[in-house]
Protein backbone atom coordinates (compact mmCIF):
# COMPACT_ATOMS: atom_id res chain seq x y z
CA MET A 1 -6.65 -1.10 5.94
CA PRO A 2 -9.76 -3.30 6.36
CA GLY A 3 -13.16 -1.64 6.31
CA GLN A 4 -12.36 1.05 3.76
CA THR A 5 -14.85 1.85 1.01
CA ALA A 6 -14.36 3.74 -2.22
CA GLU A 7 -17.01 6.28 -1.18
CA GLY A 8 -15.44 6.79 2.24
CA ILE A 9 -11.96 7.38 0.83
CA ALA A 10 -13.30 9.70 -1.88
CA ALA A 11 -15.08 11.76 0.78
CA LEU A 12 -11.88 12.01 2.87
CA VAL A 13 -9.79 13.05 -0.15
CA GLU A 14 -12.33 15.69 -1.17
CA LYS A 15 -12.56 17.02 2.39
CA THR A 16 -8.75 17.26 2.63
CA LEU A 17 -8.46 19.02 -0.73
CA ARG A 18 -11.11 21.56 0.28
CA GLN A 19 -9.42 22.16 3.65
CA ARG A 20 -6.05 22.80 1.99
CA CYS A 21 -7.33 24.79 -0.96
CA PRO A 22 -5.80 28.29 -1.03
CA LYS A 23 -8.16 31.28 -0.87
CA GLY A 24 -9.18 32.45 -4.31
CA VAL A 25 -8.87 28.95 -5.82
CA ARG A 26 -12.03 27.04 -6.68
CA ILE A 27 -12.05 23.24 -6.54
CA GLU A 28 -14.51 21.19 -8.51
CA VAL A 29 -14.54 17.47 -7.74
CA GLU A 30 -16.09 14.96 -10.11
CA ARG A 31 -16.30 11.42 -8.79
CA GLU A 32 -16.17 8.46 -11.11
CA ARG A 33 -17.41 5.01 -10.21
CA GLY A 34 -15.26 3.62 -7.44
CA GLY A 35 -14.56 0.05 -6.55
CA ASP A 36 -14.41 -1.15 -2.99
CA PRO A 37 -11.26 -3.02 -1.96
CA TYR A 38 -11.31 -6.77 -1.54
CA MET A 39 -9.51 -8.77 1.10
CA VAL A 40 -9.66 -12.46 1.93
CA LEU A 41 -8.08 -14.25 4.85
CA PRO A 42 -6.62 -17.66 4.06
CA PRO A 43 -8.02 -20.39 6.33
CA HIS A 44 -4.83 -20.63 8.40
CA LEU A 45 -5.16 -16.94 9.31
CA ALA A 46 -8.89 -16.98 9.99
CA ASP A 47 -11.15 -19.26 11.99
CA ARG A 48 -11.14 -22.36 9.86
CA ILE A 49 -14.51 -23.88 9.14
CA GLU A 50 -13.98 -27.36 7.74
CA ASN A 51 -15.58 -28.45 4.48
CA THR A 52 -16.60 -25.03 3.24
CA PRO A 53 -16.05 -24.06 -0.41
CA LYS A 54 -13.36 -21.60 0.71
CA SER A 55 -11.44 -24.15 2.78
CA ARG A 56 -11.71 -26.74 -0.02
CA ALA A 57 -10.40 -24.18 -2.53
CA PHE A 58 -7.42 -23.32 -0.32
CA GLU A 59 -6.66 -27.01 0.25
CA ALA A 60 -6.82 -27.60 -3.52
CA CYS A 61 -4.58 -24.58 -4.11
CA ASP A 62 -2.05 -25.79 -1.58
CA LYS A 63 -1.86 -29.20 -3.25
CA ALA A 64 -1.77 -27.82 -6.81
CA VAL A 65 0.97 -25.28 -6.08
CA ARG A 66 3.09 -27.95 -4.38
CA GLU A 67 2.66 -30.28 -7.40
CA VAL A 68 3.35 -27.66 -10.09
CA PHE A 69 5.93 -25.43 -8.41
CA GLY A 70 7.50 -27.96 -6.02
CA ASN A 71 6.99 -25.69 -3.00
CA PRO A 72 4.03 -24.75 -0.83
CA PRO A 73 2.27 -21.46 -1.55
CA HIS A 74 3.08 -18.45 0.57
CA TYR A 75 -0.26 -17.19 1.85
CA LEU A 76 -0.70 -13.53 2.58
CA ARG A 77 -3.43 -11.55 4.26
CA ASP A 78 -3.78 -9.49 1.18
CA GLY A 79 -6.17 -7.24 -0.63
CA ALA A 80 -6.75 -6.17 -4.14
CA SER A 81 -8.10 -3.20 -6.01
CA VAL A 82 -10.02 -5.36 -8.46
CA PRO A 83 -13.53 -3.93 -8.00
CA ILE A 84 -15.37 -6.97 -9.35
CA LEU A 85 -14.08 -9.12 -6.47
CA ALA A 86 -15.80 -6.99 -3.82
CA ASP A 87 -18.96 -6.97 -5.96
CA ILE A 88 -18.90 -10.78 -6.27
CA ARG A 89 -18.55 -11.13 -2.50
CA ARG A 90 -21.31 -8.59 -1.83
CA ILE A 91 -23.79 -9.93 -4.41
CA LEU A 92 -23.03 -13.68 -4.45
CA GLY A 93 -21.44 -14.15 -1.03
CA MET A 94 -18.42 -15.85 -2.61
CA ASP A 95 -14.74 -15.29 -1.96
CA ALA A 96 -11.95 -15.30 -4.52
CA LEU A 97 -8.66 -17.13 -4.36
CA MET A 98 -5.99 -14.97 -5.97
CA LEU A 99 -2.82 -16.62 -7.19
CA GLY A 100 0.12 -14.30 -7.76
CA VAL A 101 2.82 -15.66 -10.02
CA ALA A 102 4.83 -12.58 -10.92
CA LEU A 103 8.56 -12.63 -10.28
CA PRO A 104 10.48 -9.68 -8.78
CA GLU A 105 11.87 -8.93 -12.23
CA SER A 106 8.30 -8.63 -13.57
CA ARG A 107 8.30 -5.02 -12.35
CA LEU A 108 4.57 -5.01 -11.58
CA HIS A 109 2.75 -1.73 -12.27
CA SER A 110 5.79 -0.11 -13.85
CA PRO A 111 6.11 1.15 -17.43
CA ASN A 112 8.08 -1.98 -18.39
CA GLU A 113 5.90 -4.51 -16.55
CA ASN A 114 6.17 -8.06 -17.87
CA LEU A 115 5.22 -11.61 -17.01
CA ASP A 116 7.26 -14.68 -17.85
CA LEU A 117 5.27 -17.02 -20.13
CA ARG A 118 6.52 -20.03 -18.16
CA MET A 119 4.84 -18.60 -15.06
CA ILE A 120 1.58 -18.19 -16.98
CA GLU A 121 1.79 -21.82 -18.11
CA ARG A 122 2.43 -23.01 -14.55
CA ALA A 123 -0.36 -20.81 -13.16
CA THR A 124 -2.72 -22.30 -15.75
CA LYS A 125 -1.83 -25.81 -14.58
CA VAL A 126 -2.42 -24.78 -10.96
CA SER A 127 -5.80 -23.23 -11.86
CA GLU A 128 -6.85 -26.35 -13.78
CA ARG A 129 -6.00 -28.55 -10.80
CA ILE A 130 -7.81 -26.29 -8.33
CA LEU A 131 -10.97 -26.23 -10.43
CA ALA A 132 -10.89 -29.99 -11.01
CA SER A 133 -10.42 -30.65 -7.31
CA VAL A 134 -13.17 -28.30 -6.18
CA ALA A 135 -15.51 -29.77 -8.84
CA GLY A 136 -14.71 -33.28 -7.61
CA VAL A 137 -13.19 -34.43 -10.89
């Protein structure tokens, strides 16, 4: 859900644990560094501002994915638990364009997770084209 922070969620979890803790049991909570979630709206889902770095990156991505994969990308209003992305946005004011290339059989986040090398090669080609386009090469 948009607007969540690592600190806010940690506080809610701790509060819930303390509320549900049986009498006679002592809870000690140690918080580690948390990372805020990151979410970006693709231009077609947000108010599109022409000729911004974000809109140029999405246009370059659209073209590169079509060229390399033969189909347009499927854009999602999506988030990620990659803490550095929220930090980059907060500190530098820059968004990230995340390109997912895992297949259903990749079994993401499971004990036997895998990624097809052909998908990595294609994703590398897409990334090269996006960077070249945004750089004006």
